[in-house]
Amino acid sequence: MEATSPAASAGPQPHAQGAASESASLLRRIKGKLFTWNILKTIALGQMLSLCICGTAITSQYLAERYKVNTPMLQSFINYCLLFLIYTVMLAFQSGSDNLLYILKKKWWKYILLGLADVEANYLIVRAYQYTTLTSVQLLDCFGIPVLMALSWFILYARYRVIHFIAVAVCLLGVGTMVGADILAGREDNSGSDVLIGDILVLLGASLYAVSNVCEEYIVKKLSRQEFLGMVGLFGTIISGIQLLIVEYKDIAGIHWDWKIALLFVAFALCMFCLYSFMPLVIKVTSATSVNLGILTADLYSLFFGLFLFGYKVTRVQARIQ
């Protein structure tokens, strides 16, 4: 029987050490690319946006379910007024091409269309809470991602890889599954038509949000954040105010105001204001598509709050009230 020589036993060691060194080097490069200050800042801002979205969802659900307050346009109107008082007034004191009057003279009709899309998106989403659950709204609004990608492809000339289209297919499959689950759950509770109406409102609102987000990305990157927020604040206030007087004046008169309801309105408005104020900052360094993918964690936050605050239970791939 032959004895193993020291050279033979030591032979594989340089190769193993080289592989380990390459692996360590690869991990360092990946860490250097993933954990940069800009990426960490973007992730942190994205999670802050998710919490703001979750805050608007919770306050809307409380108003609709616990206090029977059905005023989605009033909720949005307060937010647009805040945007107007801060960002539109800032534009009024700017000079040159950034001045409010100059912008209105050149692009007023474009911002009317943008304001209309944004106002109706908010109205449809908040209105949907009257018909369906918090988790259904938050999960179904991911439908805006494939719509956003399609608009970015044709308007912003964004290009995607095969993996992106696979993700869109999975997203659409999830939307179909969620709608089907809501319909089945609604039949059990004898509320199938109401749930379906709520799901349709969410899908329409998500599509309009996609339109607004694409326009926001273009304006923020080509023009300025202040111009986008100022013009949305101006026309959003006008459009939502008119719609408020036409559609919701009876509902507003019927509200039995107390400090809890007032606090929920204030909390909703502050969450929406923070969402509008910080989203352009994230979009400027990434894209509208990336932001919408990053804020999908709002669905998870909403699910947890739905479980603990509203007594939801997860059955048949959807969350519904017990």
Protein backbone atom coordinates (compact mmCIF):
# COMPACT_ATOMS: atom_id res chain seq x y z
CA MET A 1 0.00 0.00 0.00
CA GLU A 2 1.44 3.31 -1.11
CA ALA A 3 1.74 6.24 1.29
CA THR A 4 0.31 9.55 0.18
CA SER A 5 3.06 12.02 -0.45
CA PRO A 6 2.92 15.49 1.13
CA ALA A 7 3.01 17.07 -2.33
CA ALA A 8 -0.02 15.10 -3.46
CA SER A 9 -2.05 16.06 -0.39
CA ALA A 10 -1.09 19.69 -0.78
CA GLY A 11 -1.87 19.75 -4.51
CA PRO A 12 -5.57 20.79 -4.39
CA GLN A 13 -5.00 23.53 -1.84
CA PRO A 14 -3.90 26.31 -4.23
CA HIS A 15 -6.94 25.62 -6.44
CA ALA A 16 -9.32 25.67 -3.45
CA GLN A 17 -7.73 28.83 -2.15
CA GLY A 18 -8.10 30.44 -5.58
CA ALA A 19 -11.79 29.53 -5.78
CA ALA A 20 -12.39 30.87 -2.29
CA SER A 21 -10.56 34.07 -3.17
CA GLU A 22 -12.64 34.53 -6.32
CA SER A 23 -15.87 33.93 -4.38
CA ALA A 24 -14.85 36.45 -1.74
CA SER A 25 -13.94 38.97 -4.42
CA LEU A 26 -17.30 38.45 -6.16
CA LEU A 27 -19.16 38.95 -2.89
CA ARG A 28 -17.22 42.15 -2.23
CA ARG A 29 -18.10 43.48 -5.68
CA ILE A 30 -21.78 42.60 -5.24
CA LYS A 31 -21.79 44.20 -1.80
CA GLY A 32 -20.11 47.29 -3.21
CA LYS A 33 -22.79 47.63 -5.88
CA LEU A 34 -25.83 46.78 -3.75
CA PHE A 35 -24.98 48.63 -0.57
CA THR A 36 -24.04 52.02 -1.92
CA TRP A 37 -25.38 55.16 -0.26
CA ASN A 38 -27.66 56.00 -3.23
CA ILE A 39 -29.24 52.54 -3.30
CA LEU A 40 -29.74 52.44 0.46
CA LYS A 41 -31.25 55.93 0.35
CA THR A 42 -33.58 54.89 -2.48
CA ILE A 43 -34.69 51.79 -0.57
CA ALA A 44 -35.30 53.82 2.59
CA LEU A 45 -37.33 56.43 0.69
CA GLY A 46 -39.27 53.64 -1.04
CA GLN A 47 -40.22 52.13 2.29
CA MET A 48 -41.26 55.54 3.56
CA LEU A 49 -43.53 55.86 0.53
CA SER A 50 -44.94 52.40 1.28
CA LEU A 51 -45.75 53.46 4.83
CA CYS A 52 -47.47 56.60 3.52
CA ILE A 53 -49.58 54.50 1.14
CA CYS A 54 -50.39 52.14 3.98
CA GLY A 55 -51.41 55.12 6.10
CA THR A 56 -53.84 56.38 3.45
CA ALA A 57 -55.27 52.87 3.11
CA ILE A 58 -55.83 52.42 6.85
CA THR A 59 -57.42 55.82 7.36
CA SER A 60 -59.69 55.34 4.34
CA GLN A 61 -60.76 51.92 5.56
CA TYR A 62 -61.48 53.26 9.05
CA LEU A 63 -63.58 56.12 7.64
CA ALA A 64 -65.52 53.79 5.32
CA GLU A 65 -65.99 50.82 7.66
CA ARG A 66 -66.13 52.17 11.21
CA TYR A 67 -67.66 55.61 10.66
CA LYS A 68 -69.53 55.10 7.35
CA VAL A 69 -67.94 58.24 5.90
CA ASN A 70 -68.18 58.14 2.10
CA THR A 71 -66.27 61.23 0.94
CA PRO A 72 -63.26 60.16 -1.17
CA MET A 73 -63.14 63.47 -3.01
CA LEU A 74 -63.05 65.49 0.20
CA GLN A 75 -60.10 63.40 1.39
CA SER A 76 -58.19 64.12 -1.82
CA PHE A 77 -59.26 67.78 -1.90
CA ILE A 78 -57.50 68.46 1.41
CA ASN A 79 -54.26 67.00 0.03
CA TYR A 80 -54.46 69.08 -3.17
CA CYS A 81 -55.05 72.20 -1.08
CA LEU A 82 -51.85 71.50 0.86
CA LEU A 83 -49.93 71.05 -2.41
CA PHE A 84 -51.42 74.31 -3.70
CA LEU A 85 -50.56 76.30 -0.59
CA ILE A 86 -46.93 75.19 -0.66
CA TYR A 87 -45.77 74.29 -4.17
CA THR A 88 -48.11 76.40 -6.32
CA VAL A 89 -47.31 79.46 -4.20
CA MET A 90 -43.60 78.66 -4.64
CA LEU A 91 -44.08 78.70 -8.42
CA ALA A 92 -45.80 82.07 -8.19
CA PHE A 93 -42.61 83.58 -6.77
CA GLN A 94 -40.29 81.95 -9.32
CA SER A 95 -38.92 83.92 -12.28
CA GLY A 96 -38.47 83.16 -15.96
CA SER A 97 -39.70 79.86 -17.39
CA ASP A 98 -40.33 78.50 -13.89
CA ASN A 99 -42.92 81.17 -13.11
CA LEU A 100 -46.51 80.05 -12.61
CA LEU A 101 -48.00 82.42 -15.19
CA TYR A 102 -45.44 81.41 -17.82
CA ILE A 103 -46.17 77.71 -17.26
CA LEU A 104 -49.93 78.30 -17.46
CA LYS A 105 -49.54 80.28 -20.67
CA LYS A 106 -47.51 77.54 -22.40
CA LYS A 107 -48.82 74.26 -20.98
CA TRP A 108 -52.12 74.85 -19.20
CA TRP A 109 -54.13 72.24 -21.14
CA LYS A 110 -51.53 69.51 -20.54
CA TYR A 111 -51.66 70.05 -16.81
CA ILE A 112 -55.46 70.03 -16.84
CA LEU A 113 -55.37 66.52 -18.33
CA LEU A 114 -52.71 65.46 -15.82
CA GLY A 115 -54.71 66.90 -12.94
CA LEU A 116 -57.86 65.15 -14.16
CA ALA A 117 -56.09 61.77 -14.35
CA ASP A 118 -54.57 62.21 -10.90
CA VAL A 119 -57.79 63.37 -9.23
CA GLU A 120 -59.88 60.57 -10.69
CA ALA A 121 -57.22 57.98 -9.79
CA ASN A 122 -57.36 59.06 -6.15
CA TYR A 123 -61.16 59.20 -6.21
CA LEU A 124 -61.56 55.69 -7.66
CA ILE A 125 -59.07 54.09 -5.26
CA VAL A 126 -60.54 55.71 -2.16
CA ARG A 127 -64.07 54.99 -3.41
CA ALA A 128 -63.19 51.31 -3.76
CA TYR A 129 -62.87 51.02 0.03
CA GLN A 130 -66.66 51.38 0.19
CA TYR A 131 -67.06 48.07 -1.66
CA THR A 132 -64.07 45.85 -0.96
CA THR A 133 -61.39 45.24 1.66
CA LEU A 134 -58.14 47.04 2.39
CA THR A 135 -55.99 44.09 1.31
CA SER A 136 -57.89 43.60 -1.94
CA VAL A 137 -57.36 47.25 -2.86
CA GLN A 138 -53.67 47.14 -2.01
CA LEU A 139 -53.04 43.89 -3.89
CA LEU A 140 -55.06 44.80 -6.98
CA ASP A 141 -53.41 48.19 -7.44
CA CYS A 142 -50.29 46.37 -8.65
CA PHE A 143 -52.18 46.24 -11.97
CA GLY A 144 -50.76 49.71 -12.50
CA ILE A 145 -47.26 48.22 -12.96
CA PRO A 146 -47.86 46.51 -16.35
CA VAL A 147 -49.84 49.56 -17.51
CA LEU A 148 -46.96 51.79 -16.39
CA MET A 149 -44.42 49.62 -18.22
CA ALA A 150 -46.47 49.77 -21.42
CA LEU A 151 -46.77 53.55 -21.23
CA SER A 152 -43.07 53.93 -20.42
CA TRP A 153 -42.21 51.76 -23.45
CA PHE A 154 -44.11 54.01 -25.89
CA ILE A 155 -43.77 57.43 -24.22
CA LEU A 156 -40.43 57.36 -22.40
CA TYR A 157 -38.82 54.77 -24.71
CA ALA A 158 -37.93 52.52 -21.79
CA ARG A 159 -36.78 49.02 -22.72
CA TYR A 160 -37.16 45.85 -20.68
CA ARG A 161 -35.72 42.35 -20.56
CA VAL A 162 -37.50 39.01 -20.79
CA ILE A 163 -37.59 38.73 -17.00
CA HIS A 164 -39.63 41.94 -16.83
CA PHE A 165 -42.28 40.53 -19.16
CA ILE A 166 -42.39 37.32 -17.11
CA ALA A 167 -42.97 39.46 -14.03
CA VAL A 168 -45.81 41.29 -15.80
CA ALA A 169 -47.42 37.95 -16.69
CA VAL A 170 -47.18 36.86 -13.05
CA CYS A 171 -48.65 40.19 -11.95
CA LEU A 172 -51.62 39.85 -14.31
CA LEU A 173 -52.14 36.26 -13.20
CA GLY A 174 -52.20 37.46 -9.60
CA VAL A 175 -54.73 40.17 -10.46
CA GLY A 176 -57.01 37.62 -12.12
CA THR A 177 -56.68 35.27 -9.17
CA MET A 178 -57.44 38.05 -6.70
CA VAL A 179 -60.56 39.18 -8.57
CA GLY A 180 -61.77 35.58 -8.83
CA ALA A 181 -61.18 35.00 -5.12
CA ASP A 182 -63.07 38.18 -4.24
CA ILE A 183 -66.03 37.13 -6.38
CA LEU A 184 -66.15 33.68 -4.74
CA ALA A 185 -65.87 35.20 -1.26
CA GLY A 186 -68.55 37.74 -2.16
CA ARG A 187 -70.93 34.99 -3.22
CA GLU A 188 -70.51 33.35 0.16
CA ASP A 189 -71.30 36.65 1.89
CA ASN A 190 -74.05 37.61 -0.63
CA SER A 191 -72.01 40.68 -1.64
CA GLY A 192 -70.47 39.50 -4.90
CA SER A 193 -71.63 42.44 -7.03
CA ASP A 194 -70.32 45.04 -4.53
CA VAL A 195 -66.93 43.33 -4.30
CA LEU A 196 -66.65 43.17 -8.08
CA ILE A 197 -67.48 46.89 -8.34
CA GLY A 198 -64.72 47.62 -5.83
CA ASP A 199 -62.21 45.53 -7.78
CA ILE A 200 -63.10 47.28 -11.05
CA LEU A 201 -62.69 50.69 -9.39
CA VAL A 202 -59.23 49.68 -8.16
CA LEU A 203 -58.16 48.50 -11.64
CA LEU A 204 -59.36 51.73 -13.24
CA GLY A 205 -57.70 53.83 -10.55
CA ALA A 206 -54.43 51.92 -10.88
CA SER A 207 -54.44 52.54 -14.65
CA LEU A 208 -54.94 56.27 -14.12
CA TYR A 209 -52.17 56.27 -11.50
CA ALA A 210 -49.89 54.75 -14.15
CA VAL A 211 -50.70 57.64 -16.50
CA SER A 212 -49.99 60.14 -13.73
CA ASN A 213 -46.71 58.42 -12.77
CA VAL A 214 -45.39 58.40 -16.35
CA CYS A 215 -46.16 62.11 -16.69
CA GLU A 216 -44.54 62.70 -13.30
CA GLU A 217 -41.33 60.92 -14.37
CA TYR A 218 -41.14 62.98 -17.56
CA ILE A 219 -41.76 66.31 -15.79
CA VAL A 220 -39.46 65.61 -12.85
CA LYS A 221 -36.54 64.53 -15.06
CA LYS A 222 -37.02 67.04 -17.88
CA LEU A 223 -38.39 70.03 -15.95
CA SER A 224 -38.62 70.21 -12.16
CA ARG A 225 -40.23 68.63 -9.12
CA GLN A 226 -41.72 71.97 -8.05
CA GLU A 227 -43.45 72.42 -11.40
CA PHE A 228 -45.10 69.00 -11.21
CA LEU A 229 -46.28 69.40 -7.62
CA GLY A 230 -47.34 73.01 -8.10
CA MET A 231 -49.43 72.35 -11.20
CA VAL A 232 -50.97 69.18 -9.76
CA GLY A 233 -51.81 71.17 -6.64
CA LEU A 234 -53.41 73.95 -8.68
CA PHE A 235 -55.54 71.91 -11.07
CA GLY A 236 -56.10 69.12 -8.55
CA THR A 237 -57.64 71.64 -6.15
CA ILE A 238 -59.86 73.13 -8.88
CA ILE A 239 -61.02 69.79 -10.34
CA SER A 240 -61.54 68.02 -7.01
CA GLY A 241 -63.30 71.11 -5.60
CA ILE A 242 -65.79 71.19 -8.48
CA GLN A 243 -66.37 67.45 -8.28
CA LEU A 244 -66.72 67.73 -4.52
CA LEU A 245 -69.55 70.26 -4.83
CA ILE A 246 -71.35 68.20 -7.49
CA VAL A 247 -71.00 64.69 -6.07
CA GLU A 248 -70.39 64.79 -2.32
CA TYR A 249 -72.07 67.82 -0.79
CA LYS A 250 -74.88 65.67 0.69
CA ASP A 251 -72.44 63.11 2.08
CA ILE A 252 -70.34 65.86 3.68
CA ALA A 253 -73.45 67.43 5.24
CA GLY A 254 -74.36 64.04 6.70
CA ILE A 255 -71.04 63.51 8.52
CA HIS A 256 -71.37 63.48 12.30
CA TRP A 257 -68.09 65.21 13.04
CA ASP A 258 -66.03 64.39 16.09
CA TRP A 259 -62.33 64.52 16.90
CA LYS A 260 -61.73 60.94 15.72
CA ILE A 261 -63.14 61.56 12.24
CA ALA A 262 -61.29 64.87 11.99
CA LEU A 263 -58.06 63.16 13.04
CA LEU A 264 -58.50 60.47 10.36
CA PHE A 265 -58.99 63.16 7.70
CA VAL A 266 -55.85 64.97 8.87
CA ALA A 267 -53.83 61.74 8.97
CA PHE A 268 -54.94 60.83 5.43
CA ALA A 269 -54.06 64.27 4.11
CA LEU A 270 -50.61 64.26 5.74
CA CYS A 271 -49.80 60.78 4.40
CA MET A 272 -50.89 61.82 0.91
CA PHE A 273 -48.92 65.07 1.11
CA CYS A 274 -45.75 63.22 2.17
CA LEU A 275 -46.31 60.66 -0.60
CA TYR A 276 -46.64 63.37 -3.26
CA SER A 277 -43.71 65.37 -1.90
CA PHE A 278 -41.17 62.53 -1.69
CA MET A 279 -42.14 60.35 -4.66
CA PRO A 280 -40.62 62.76 -7.25
CA LEU A 281 -37.30 62.58 -5.37
CA VAL A 282 -37.20 58.80 -5.77
CA ILE A 283 -38.42 58.87 -9.37
CA LYS A 284 -35.71 61.35 -10.31
CA VAL A 285 -32.91 58.95 -9.33
CA THR A 286 -34.65 55.77 -10.54
CA SER A 287 -37.84 55.54 -12.61
CA ALA A 288 -41.60 55.41 -12.12
CA THR A 289 -41.54 51.66 -12.75
CA SER A 290 -38.85 51.08 -10.13
CA VAL A 291 -40.73 53.17 -7.59
CA ASN A 292 -43.97 51.26 -8.16
CA LEU A 293 -42.10 47.99 -7.75
CA GLY A 294 -40.43 49.25 -4.58
CA ILE A 295 -43.67 50.32 -2.92
CA LEU A 296 -45.24 46.89 -3.32
CA THR A 297 -44.21 46.35 0.31
CA ALA A 298 -47.20 48.56 1.14
CA ASP A 299 -49.32 45.50 0.33
CA LEU A 300 -47.53 43.54 3.04
CA TYR A 301 -47.89 46.35 5.57
CA SER A 302 -51.59 46.67 4.74
CA LEU A 303 -52.07 42.93 5.14
CA PHE A 304 -50.57 43.02 8.65
CA PHE A 305 -52.66 46.02 9.66
CA GLY A 306 -55.74 44.39 8.15
CA LEU A 307 -55.16 41.27 10.22
CA PHE A 308 -54.73 43.13 13.50
CA LEU A 309 -56.94 46.21 13.11
CA PHE A 310 -59.85 44.99 11.01
CA GLY A 311 -59.94 41.29 11.93
CA TYR A 312 -59.26 40.02 8.42
CA LYS A 313 -58.42 36.39 7.82
CA VAL A 314 -56.48 35.02 4.86
CA THR A 315 -58.45 32.40 2.97
CA ARG A 316 -58.51 31.37 -0.67
CA VAL A 317 -55.53 33.61 -1.54
CA GLN A 318 -57.30 36.72 -0.38
CA ALA A 319 -58.05 38.58 2.84
CA ARG A 320 -61.62 39.20 3.88
CA ILE A 321 -63.50 40.26 6.96
CA GLN A 322 -64.37 37.44 9.33
